[in-house]
C-alpha atoms as a PDB file:
ATOM      1  CA  MET A   1     -34.164  40.478  69.986  1.00  0.00           C
ATOM      2  CA  ARG A   2     -33.972  36.945  71.343  1.00  0.00           C
ATOM      3  CA  LEU A   3     -35.851  36.289  74.575  1.00  0.00           C
ATOM      4  CA  SER A   4     -32.799  34.499  75.953  1.00  0.00           C
ATOM      5  CA  SER A   5     -31.046  37.869  76.191  1.00  0.00           C
ATOM      6  CA  PHE A   6     -33.515  38.993  78.877  1.00  0.00           C
ATOM      7  CA  SER A   7     -33.895  37.856  82.466  1.00  0.00           C
ATOM      8  CA  ILE A   8     -35.612  34.531  83.059  1.00  0.00           C
ATOM      9  CA  GLY A   9     -38.525  36.274  84.761  1.00  0.00           C
ATOM     10  CA  PHE A  10     -39.204  38.556  81.787  1.00  0.00           C
ATOM     11  CA  HIS A  11     -38.684  35.616  79.426  1.00  0.00           C
ATOM     12  CA  ILE A  12     -41.368  33.564  81.177  1.00  0.00           C
ATOM     13  CA  TRP A  13     -43.718  36.569  81.427  1.00  0.00           C
ATOM     14  CA  VAL A  14     -43.527  37.121  77.650  1.00  0.00           C
ATOM     15  CA  LEU A  15     -44.237  33.458  76.931  1.00  0.00           C
ATOM     16  CA  VAL A  16     -47.215  33.411  79.311  1.00  0.00           C
ATOM     17  CA  LEU A  17     -48.574  36.622  77.773  1.00  0.00           C
ATOM     18  CA  CYS A  18     -48.172  35.218  74.255  1.00  0.00           C
ATOM     19  CA  PHE A  19     -49.933  32.008  75.283  1.00  0.00           C
ATOM     20  CA  ALA A  20     -52.845  34.008  76.704  1.00  0.00           C
ATOM     21  CA  LEU A  21     -53.104  36.137  73.554  1.00  0.00           C
ATOM     22  CA  GLY A  22     -52.906  33.053  71.349  1.00  0.00           C
ATOM     23  CA  ALA A  23     -55.569  31.245  73.361  1.00  0.00           C
ATOM     24  CA  ALA A  24     -57.858  34.274  73.063  1.00  0.00           C
ATOM     25  CA  MET A  25     -57.263  34.424  69.321  1.00  0.00           C
ATOM     26  CA  GLY A  26     -57.888  30.682  69.074  1.00  0.00           C
ATOM     27  CA  SER A  27     -61.239  31.160  70.788  1.00  0.00           C
ATOM     28  CA  PHE A  28     -62.061  34.014  68.432  1.00  0.00           C
ATOM     29  CA  MET A  29     -61.126  32.027  65.331  1.00  0.00           C
ATOM     30  CA  ASN A  30     -63.123  29.034  66.545  1.00  0.00           C
ATOM     31  CA  CYS A  31     -66.148  31.320  66.948  1.00  0.00           C
ATOM     32  CA  ILE A  32     -65.693  32.862  63.485  1.00  0.00           C
ATOM     33  CA  ALA A  33     -65.226  29.463  61.830  1.00  0.00           C
ATOM     34  CA  GLY A  34     -68.299  28.016  63.514  1.00  0.00           C
ATOM     35  CA  ARG A  35     -70.485  30.907  62.448  1.00  0.00           C
ATOM     36  CA  MET A  36     -69.162  30.772  58.889  1.00  0.00           C
ATOM     37  CA  VAL A  37     -69.931  27.074  58.632  1.00  0.00           C
ATOM     38  CA  ARG A  38     -73.444  27.668  59.988  1.00  0.00           C
ATOM     39  CA  GLN A  39     -73.755  30.671  57.636  1.00  0.00           C
ATOM     40  CA  GLU A  40     -74.402  33.050  60.516  1.00  0.00           C
ATOM     41  CA  ASP A  41     -73.313  36.655  60.958  1.00  0.00           C
ATOM     42  CA  TRP A  42     -69.805  36.287  62.385  1.00  0.00           C
ATOM     43  CA  ILE A  43     -69.403  39.978  63.216  1.00  0.00           C
ATOM     44  CA  HIS A  44     -72.467  40.619  65.366  1.00  0.00           C
ATOM     45  CA  GLY A  45     -74.240  38.539  67.971  1.00  0.00           C
ATOM     46  CA  ARG A  46     -73.334  36.887  71.280  1.00  0.00           C
ATOM     47  CA  SER A  47     -71.734  33.511  71.774  1.00  0.00           C
ATOM     48  CA  LYS A  48     -74.238  30.835  72.783  1.00  0.00           C
ATOM     49  CA  CYS A  49     -74.245  27.206  73.859  1.00  0.00           C
ATOM     50  CA  ASP A  50     -74.807  25.013  70.814  1.00  0.00           C
ATOM     51  CA  ALA A  51     -77.033  22.679  72.832  1.00  0.00           C
ATOM     52  CA  CYS A  52     -79.382  24.962  74.808  1.00  0.00           C
ATOM     53  CA  GLY A  53     -78.835  28.314  73.125  1.00  0.00           C
ATOM     54  CA  HIS A  54     -78.071  30.124  76.406  1.00  0.00           C
ATOM     55  CA  VAL A  55     -75.903  33.221  75.979  1.00  0.00           C
ATOM     56  CA  LEU A  56     -72.478  32.536  77.481  1.00  0.00           C
ATOM     57  CA  GLY A  57     -71.216  34.655  80.362  1.00  0.00           C
ATOM     58  CA  TRP A  58     -67.766  36.116  80.758  1.00  0.00           C
ATOM     59  CA  LYS A  59     -66.586  33.140  82.836  1.00  0.00           C
ATOM     60  CA  ASP A  60     -67.508  30.801  79.999  1.00  0.00           C
ATOM     61  CA  LEU A  61     -65.523  32.825  77.485  1.00  0.00           C
ATOM     62  CA  ILE A  62     -62.150  32.751  79.256  1.00  0.00           C
ATOM     63  CA  PRO A  63     -59.953  30.710  76.892  1.00  0.00           C
ATOM     64  CA  VAL A  64     -58.775  27.312  78.198  1.00  0.00           C
ATOM     65  CA  PHE A  65     -59.614  28.065  81.842  1.00  0.00           C
ATOM     66  CA  GLY A  66     -63.302  28.523  81.064  1.00  0.00           C
ATOM     67  CA  TYR A  67     -63.424  24.987  79.689  1.00  0.00           C
ATOM     68  CA  ILE A  68     -61.433  23.543  82.581  1.00  0.00           C
ATOM     69  CA  SER A  69     -63.394  25.340  85.316  1.00  0.00           C
ATOM     70  CA  ALA A  70     -66.691  24.135  83.793  1.00  0.00           C
ATOM     71  CA  LYS A  71     -65.248  20.598  83.558  1.00  0.00           C
ATOM     72  CA  GLY A  72     -65.965  20.523  79.839  1.00  0.00           C
ATOM     73  CA  ARG A  73     -69.700  21.030  80.202  1.00  0.00           C
ATOM     74  CA  CYS A  74     -72.141  23.881  79.696  1.00  0.00           C
ATOM     75  CA  ARG A  75     -72.856  25.628  82.993  1.00  0.00           C
ATOM     76  CA  TYR A  76     -76.549  25.915  82.110  1.00  0.00           C
ATOM     77  CA  CYS A  77     -77.643  22.651  80.471  1.00  0.00           C
ATOM     78  CA  LYS A  78     -74.645  20.454  81.370  1.00  0.00           C
ATOM     79  CA  ALA A  79     -74.185  19.425  77.728  1.00  0.00           C
ATOM     80  CA  GLU A  80     -70.658  18.353  76.879  1.00  0.00           C
ATOM     81  CA  ILE A  81     -68.545  21.041  75.212  1.00  0.00           C
ATOM     82  CA  PRO A  82     -66.562  19.712  72.228  1.00  0.00           C
ATOM     83  CA  ARG A  83     -62.924  19.187  73.177  1.00  0.00           C
ATOM     84  CA  ASP A  84     -61.956  20.782  69.884  1.00  0.00           C
ATOM     85  CA  CYS A  85     -62.578  24.144  71.559  1.00  0.00           C
ATOM     86  CA  LEU A  86     -59.978  23.409  74.242  1.00  0.00           C
ATOM     87  CA  TRP A  87     -57.377  22.068  71.811  1.00  0.00           C
ATOM     88  CA  THR A  88     -57.899  24.999  69.441  1.00  0.00           C
ATOM     89  CA  GLU A  89     -57.328  27.566  72.169  1.00  0.00           C
ATOM     90  CA  ALA A  90     -54.423  25.762  73.824  1.00  0.00           C
ATOM     91  CA  GLY A  91     -52.839  24.909  70.472  1.00  0.00           C
ATOM     92  CA  LEU A  92     -52.772  28.460  69.139  1.00  0.00           C
ATOM     93  CA  GLY A  93     -51.650  29.714  72.541  1.00  0.00           C
ATOM     94  CA  ALA A  94     -48.698  27.322  72.448  1.00  0.00           C
ATOM     95  CA  LEU A  95     -47.968  28.318  68.865  1.00  0.00           C
ATOM     96  CA  PHE A  96     -47.879  32.015  69.805  1.00  0.00           C
ATOM     97  CA  ALA A  97     -45.370  31.177  72.548  1.00  0.00           C
ATOM     98  CA  VAL A  98     -43.263  29.196  70.056  1.00  0.00           C
ATOM     99  CA  CYS A  99     -43.288  32.145  67.633  1.00  0.00           C
ATOM    100  CA  ALA A 100     -42.075  34.466  70.400  1.00  0.00           C
ATOM    101  CA  GLU A 101     -39.350  32.024  71.388  1.00  0.00           C
ATOM    102  CA  TRP A 102     -38.269  31.405  67.803  1.00  0.00           C
ATOM    103  CA  PHE A 103     -38.372  34.945  66.388  1.00  0.00           C
ATOM    104  CA  GLY A 104     -37.853  36.885  69.614  1.00  0.00           C
ATOM    105  CA  LEU A 105     -39.320  40.321  70.257  1.00  0.00           C
ATOM    106  CA  SER A 106     -39.715  41.307  66.627  1.00  0.00           C
ATOM    107  CA  MET A 107     -42.235  42.269  63.986  1.00  0.00           C
ATOM    108  CA  GLU A 108     -41.490  38.930  62.354  1.00  0.00           C
ATOM    109  CA  ALA A 109     -42.933  37.196  65.423  1.00  0.00           C
ATOM    110  CA  VAL A 110     -46.088  39.340  65.226  1.00  0.00           C
ATOM    111  CA  ARG A 111     -46.404  38.566  61.522  1.00  0.00           C
ATOM    112  CA  ALA A 112     -46.049  34.828  62.175  1.00  0.00           C
ATOM    113  CA  MET A 113     -48.686  34.965  64.930  1.00  0.00           C
ATOM    114  CA  GLY A 114     -51.136  36.725  62.634  1.00  0.00           C
ATOM    115  CA  LEU A 115     -50.534  34.232  59.842  1.00  0.00           C
ATOM    116  CA  ALA A 116     -50.986  31.323  62.262  1.00  0.00           C
ATOM    117  CA  SER A 117     -54.346  32.763  63.348  1.00  0.00           C
ATOM    118  CA  ILE A 118     -55.541  33.117  59.765  1.00  0.00           C
ATOM    119  CA  LEU A 119     -54.405  29.594  58.906  1.00  0.00           C
ATOM    120  CA  LEU A 120     -56.192  28.213  61.962  1.00  0.00           C
ATOM    121  CA  GLY A 121     -59.436  29.919  60.997  1.00  0.00           C
ATOM    122  CA  LEU A 122     -59.453  28.677  57.414  1.00  0.00           C
ATOM    123  CA  SER A 123     -58.409  25.186  58.516  1.00  0.00           C
ATOM    124  CA  LEU A 124     -61.350  24.952  60.917  1.00  0.00           C
ATOM    125  CA  VAL A 125     -63.758  25.966  58.164  1.00  0.00           C
ATOM    126  CA  ASP A 126     -62.132  23.575  55.695  1.00  0.00           C
ATOM    127  CA  LEU A 127     -62.372  20.690  58.164  1.00  0.00           C
ATOM    128  CA  ALA A 128     -66.089  21.273  58.599  1.00  0.00           C
ATOM    129  CA  SER A 129     -67.139  22.209  55.070  1.00  0.00           C
ATOM    130  CA  TYR A 130     -64.321  21.292  52.632  1.00  0.00           C
ATOM    131  CA  GLU A 131     -64.218  24.955  51.631  1.00  0.00           C
ATOM    132  CA  ILE A 132     -61.698  27.738  52.188  1.00  0.00           C
ATOM    133  CA  PRO A 133     -63.422  31.153  52.279  1.00  0.00           C
ATOM    134  CA  ASP A 134     -61.773  33.836  50.157  1.00  0.00           C
ATOM    135  CA  GLY A 135     -61.921  36.195  53.139  1.00  0.00           C
ATOM    136  CA  PHE A 136     -59.129  34.296  54.877  1.00  0.00           C
ATOM    137  CA  ILE A 137     -56.976  34.347  51.734  1.00  0.00           C
ATOM    138  CA  ILE A 138     -57.480  38.089  51.307  1.00  0.00           C
ATOM    139  CA  SER A 139     -56.714  38.664  54.998  1.00  0.00           C
ATOM    140  CA  GLY A 140     -53.466  36.722  54.634  1.00  0.00           C
ATOM    141  CA  ILE A 141     -52.430  38.762  51.595  1.00  0.00           C
ATOM    142  CA  VAL A 142     -53.229  42.061  53.323  1.00  0.00           C
ATOM    143  CA  TRP A 143     -51.353  40.932  56.463  1.00  0.00           C
ATOM    144  CA  TRP A 144     -48.302  40.090  54.312  1.00  0.00           C
ATOM    145  CA  ALA A 145     -48.394  43.486  52.598  1.00  0.00           C
ATOM    146  CA  ILE A 146     -48.712  45.368  55.896  1.00  0.00           C
ATOM    147  CA  PHE A 147     -45.516  43.844  57.258  1.00  0.00           C
ATOM    148  CA  LEU A 148     -43.346  44.354  54.179  1.00  0.00           C
ATOM    149  CA  PRO A 149     -41.794  47.579  55.558  1.00  0.00           C
ATOM    150  CA  PHE A 150     -40.758  45.804  58.784  1.00  0.00           C
ATOM    151  CA  MET A 151     -38.950  42.762  57.391  1.00  0.00           C
ATOM    152  CA  GLY A 152     -35.500  44.317  57.240  1.00  0.00           C
ATOM    153  CA  GLY A 153     -34.986  44.757  53.525  1.00  0.00           C
ATOM    154  CA  SER A 154     -36.071  46.608  50.421  1.00  0.00           C
ATOM    155  CA  ILE A 155     -39.861  46.673  50.234  1.00  0.00           C
ATOM    156  CA  GLY A 156     -39.721  46.307  46.449  1.00  0.00           C
ATOM    157  CA  SER A 157     -37.344  43.345  46.602  1.00  0.00           C
ATOM    158  CA  LEU A 158     -39.365  41.602  49.305  1.00  0.00           C
ATOM    159  CA  ALA A 159     -42.607  42.170  47.403  1.00  0.00           C
ATOM    160  CA  ILE A 160     -41.154  40.878  44.129  1.00  0.00           C
ATOM    161  CA  ASN A 161     -39.669  37.788  45.762  1.00  0.00           C
ATOM    162  CA  GLY A 162     -42.961  37.047  47.471  1.00  0.00           C
ATOM    163  CA  LEU A 163     -45.013  37.536  44.324  1.00  0.00           C
ATOM    164  CA  ILE A 164     -42.637  35.355  42.300  1.00  0.00           C
ATOM    165  CA  GLY A 165     -43.038  32.601  44.874  1.00  0.00           C
ATOM    166  CA  GLY A 166     -46.801  33.043  45.014  1.00  0.00           C
ATOM    167  CA  PHE A 167     -47.437  32.988  41.270  1.00  0.00           C
ATOM    168  CA  ALA A 168     -44.845  30.286  40.562  1.00  0.00           C
ATOM    169  CA  ILE A 169     -46.090  27.868  43.226  1.00  0.00           C
ATOM    170  CA  ALA A 170     -49.809  28.511  42.719  1.00  0.00           C
ATOM    171  CA  GLY A 171     -49.423  28.516  38.928  1.00  0.00           C
ATOM    172  CA  GLY A 172     -47.482  25.274  39.017  1.00  0.00           C
ATOM    173  CA  MET A 173     -50.050  23.624  41.253  1.00  0.00           C
ATOM    174  CA  LEU A 174     -52.884  24.851  39.028  1.00  0.00           C
ATOM    175  CA  ALA A 175     -51.201  23.439  35.912  1.00  0.00           C
ATOM    176  CA  PHE A 176     -50.500  20.125  37.638  1.00  0.00           C
ATOM    177  CA  SER A 177     -54.074  19.938  38.926  1.00  0.00           C
ATOM    178  CA  LEU A 178     -55.601  20.601  35.499  1.00  0.00           C
ATOM    179  CA  LEU A 179     -53.333  18.020  33.870  1.00  0.00           C
ATOM    180  CA  PHE A 180     -54.053  15.393  36.532  1.00  0.00           C
ATOM    181  CA  ASP A 181     -57.795  16.057  36.325  1.00  0.00           C
ATOM    182  CA  ARG A 182     -57.711  15.644  32.560  1.00  0.00           C
ATOM    183  CA  ILE A 183     -55.795  12.370  32.726  1.00  0.00           C
ATOM    184  CA  SER A 184     -57.644  10.817  35.660  1.00  0.00           C
ATOM    185  CA  GLY A 185     -61.070  12.313  35.096  1.00  0.00           C
ATOM    186  CA  LYS A 186     -61.257  13.209  38.794  1.00  0.00           C
ATOM    187  CA  ASP A 187     -60.894  16.438  40.733  1.00  0.00           C
ATOM    188  CA  SER A 188     -57.476  16.479  42.394  1.00  0.00           C
ATOM    189  CA  MET A 189     -57.342  19.873  44.111  1.00  0.00           C
ATOM    190  CA  GLY A 190     -59.848  22.571  44.905  1.00  0.00           C
ATOM    191  CA  GLY A 191     -59.476  26.189  43.907  1.00  0.00           C
ATOM    192  CA  GLY A 192     -59.261  27.184  47.566  1.00  0.00           C
ATOM    193  CA  ASP A 193     -56.141  25.053  48.052  1.00  0.00           C
ATOM    194  CA  ILE A 194     -54.430  26.718  45.092  1.00  0.00           C
ATOM    195  CA  LYS A 195     -55.332  30.163  46.419  1.00  0.00           C
ATOM    196  CA  LEU A 196     -53.945  29.115  49.803  1.00  0.00           C
ATOM    197  CA  TYR A 197     -50.666  28.037  48.191  1.00  0.00           C
ATOM    198  CA  PHE A 198     -50.464  31.483  46.586  1.00  0.00           C
ATOM    199  CA  MET A 199     -51.074  33.284  49.863  1.00  0.00           C
ATOM    200  CA  VAL A 200     -48.590  31.344  51.996  1.00  0.00           C
ATOM    201  CA  SER A 201     -45.945  31.439  49.247  1.00  0.00           C
ATOM    202  CA  LEU A 202     -45.948  35.236  49.527  1.00  0.00           C
ATOM    203  CA  TYR A 203     -44.456  34.730  52.983  1.00  0.00           C
ATOM    204  CA  LEU A 204     -42.192  31.832  52.036  1.00  0.00           C
ATOM    205  CA  GLY A 205     -40.814  32.824  48.648  1.00  0.00           C
ATOM    206  CA  LEU A 206     -39.974  30.398  45.852  1.00  0.00           C
ATOM    207  CA  ALA A 207     -37.534  27.999  47.534  1.00  0.00           C
ATOM    208  CA  ARG A 208     -39.444  27.534  50.779  1.00  0.00           C
ATOM    209  CA  GLY A 209     -42.695  27.570  48.829  1.00  0.00           C
ATOM    210  CA  PHE A 210     -41.539  24.551  46.815  1.00  0.00           C
ATOM    211  CA  LEU A 211     -40.472  22.837  50.054  1.00  0.00           C
ATOM    212  CA  ASN A 212     -43.937  23.604  51.399  1.00  0.00           C
ATOM    213  CA  VAL A 213     -45.574  21.778  48.498  1.00  0.00           C
ATOM    214  CA  ILE A 214     -43.554  18.636  49.236  1.00  0.00           C
ATOM    215  CA  LEU A 215     -44.051  18.824  52.994  1.00  0.00           C
ATOM    216  CA  SER A 216     -47.796  19.516  52.753  1.00  0.00           C
ATOM    217  CA  CYS A 217     -48.247  16.392  50.631  1.00  0.00           C
ATOM    218  CA  ILE A 218     -46.383  14.355  53.255  1.00  0.00           C
ATOM    219  CA  VAL A 219     -48.524  15.832  56.041  1.00  0.00           C
ATOM    220  CA  GLY A 220     -51.667  15.111  54.014  1.00  0.00           C
ATOM    221  CA  LEU A 221     -50.639  11.481  53.512  1.00  0.00           C
ATOM    222  CA  LEU A 222     -49.989  11.141  57.243  1.00  0.00           C
ATOM    223  CA  PHE A 223     -53.495  12.423  57.968  1.00  0.00           C
ATOM    224  CA  VAL A 224     -54.975   9.897  55.529  1.00  0.00           C
ATOM    225  CA  VAL A 225     -53.074   7.032  57.161  1.00  0.00           C
ATOM    226  CA  LEU A 226     -53.696   8.092  60.768  1.00  0.00           C
ATOM    227  CA  LEU A 227     -57.370   8.957  60.291  1.00  0.00           C
ATOM    228  CA  HIS A 228     -58.070   5.989  57.978  1.00  0.00           C
ATOM    229  CA  ARG A 229     -59.957   8.220  55.563  1.00  0.00           C
ATOM    230  CA  HIS A 230     -59.778   8.308  51.778  1.00  0.00           C
ATOM    231  CA  LYS A 231     -60.697  11.979  51.554  1.00  0.00           C
ATOM    232  CA  ILE A 232     -59.546  14.813  53.796  1.00  0.00           C
ATOM    233  CA  PRO A 233     -59.569  18.609  53.424  1.00  0.00           C
ATOM    234  CA  PHE A 234     -56.118  19.703  52.285  1.00  0.00           C
ATOM    235  CA  GLY A 235     -56.153  23.178  53.861  1.00  0.00           C
ATOM    236  CA  PRO A 236     -54.968  22.018  57.323  1.00  0.00           C
ATOM    237  CA  SER A 237     -52.053  20.106  55.762  1.00  0.00           C
ATOM    238  CA  ILE A 238     -50.937  23.175  53.812  1.00  0.00           C
ATOM    239  CA  SER A 239     -51.330  25.329  56.923  1.00  0.00           C
ATOM    240  CA  ILE A 240     -49.241  23.055  59.156  1.00  0.00           C
ATOM    241  CA  SER A 241     -46.455  22.671  56.614  1.00  0.00           C
ATOM    242  CA  SER A 242     -46.470  26.431  55.891  1.00  0.00           C
ATOM    243  CA  LEU A 243     -45.788  27.276  59.536  1.00  0.00           C
ATOM    244  CA  ILE A 244     -43.030  24.674  59.688  1.00  0.00           C
ATOM    245  CA  CYS A 245     -41.438  26.099  56.547  1.00  0.00           C
ATOM    246  CA  LEU A 246     -41.775  29.641  57.885  1.00  0.00           C
ATOM    247  CA  MET A 247     -39.673  28.711  60.908  1.00  0.00           C
ATOM    248  CA  VAL A 248     -37.211  26.064  59.736  1.00  0.00           C
ATOM    249  CA  GLY A 249     -37.626  26.097  55.958  1.00  0.00           C
ATOM    250  CA  MET A 250     -34.580  28.227  55.203  1.00  0.00           C
ATOM    251  CA  PRO A 251     -32.081  25.998  57.075  1.00  0.00           C
ATOM    252  CA  ILE A 252     -33.520  22.983  55.260  1.00  0.00           C
ATOM    253  CA  VAL A 253     -33.272  24.705  51.873  1.00  0.00           C
ATOM    254  CA  SER A 254     -29.715  25.865  52.608  1.00  0.00           C
ATOM    255  CA  TRP A 255     -28.714  22.352  53.667  1.00  0.00           C
ATOM    256  CA  TYR A 256     -30.186  20.892  50.483  1.00  0.00           C
ATOM    257  CA  PHE A 257     -28.357  23.304  48.166  1.00  0.00           C
ATOM    258  CA  SER A 258     -25.098  22.717  50.055  1.00  0.00           C
ATOM    259  CA  LEU A 259     -25.162  19.115  48.798  1.00  0.00           C
ATOM    260  CA  PHE A 260     -24.445  20.256  45.239  1.00  0.00           C
END
């Protein structure tokens, strides 16, 4: 149900709640990604300041507001807290609110929020280590399977369409990568990127999955130009384009096929 069908007060309350939940999830994913990169136990243990090692209190762990109230510095050693923490929390919070606005009060909105969280986590790890852990890919596949009964159609049909998209897109990218590597003698795409294409194509299907391939390459090129770097991790580009395709991919695909 669209949020616009409710009162303005309830509409705003839902968006604020979604932002808060998204910010909390952004903080959680940032913590998981950091521990994975440092090869620490990401399940157990308390959050600590990277500079002084002091265990963080509950005030420090409030997403967004904890950073702002501390003026971007550790309360104990006054070391500067990376701004990435703030942007990660605020960004996923805003994305949760966008999902609620776009999909309304629906299971599709919850599914999109979960996928966005998984994509954020793997992107943070990929940015720091140029690796995409299989755990995120498996989580995305399991999350897709869980929501099949709630997507308003035949579970079998939805599963088949998703699997066709996943295997077709990932298989095509694998074949292209192997051919390009053989011709150029250089590695063109990591195995984690291909696995990621498979996972997100389960959600997108074949048509939007193909659009995602094109859009992710464009996003990747933009990152190269804007960051002035010759090599960038491709996971964030795939993640950004996947979320765009999840929301507006079908209208774009329909418009394209209407031209013929």
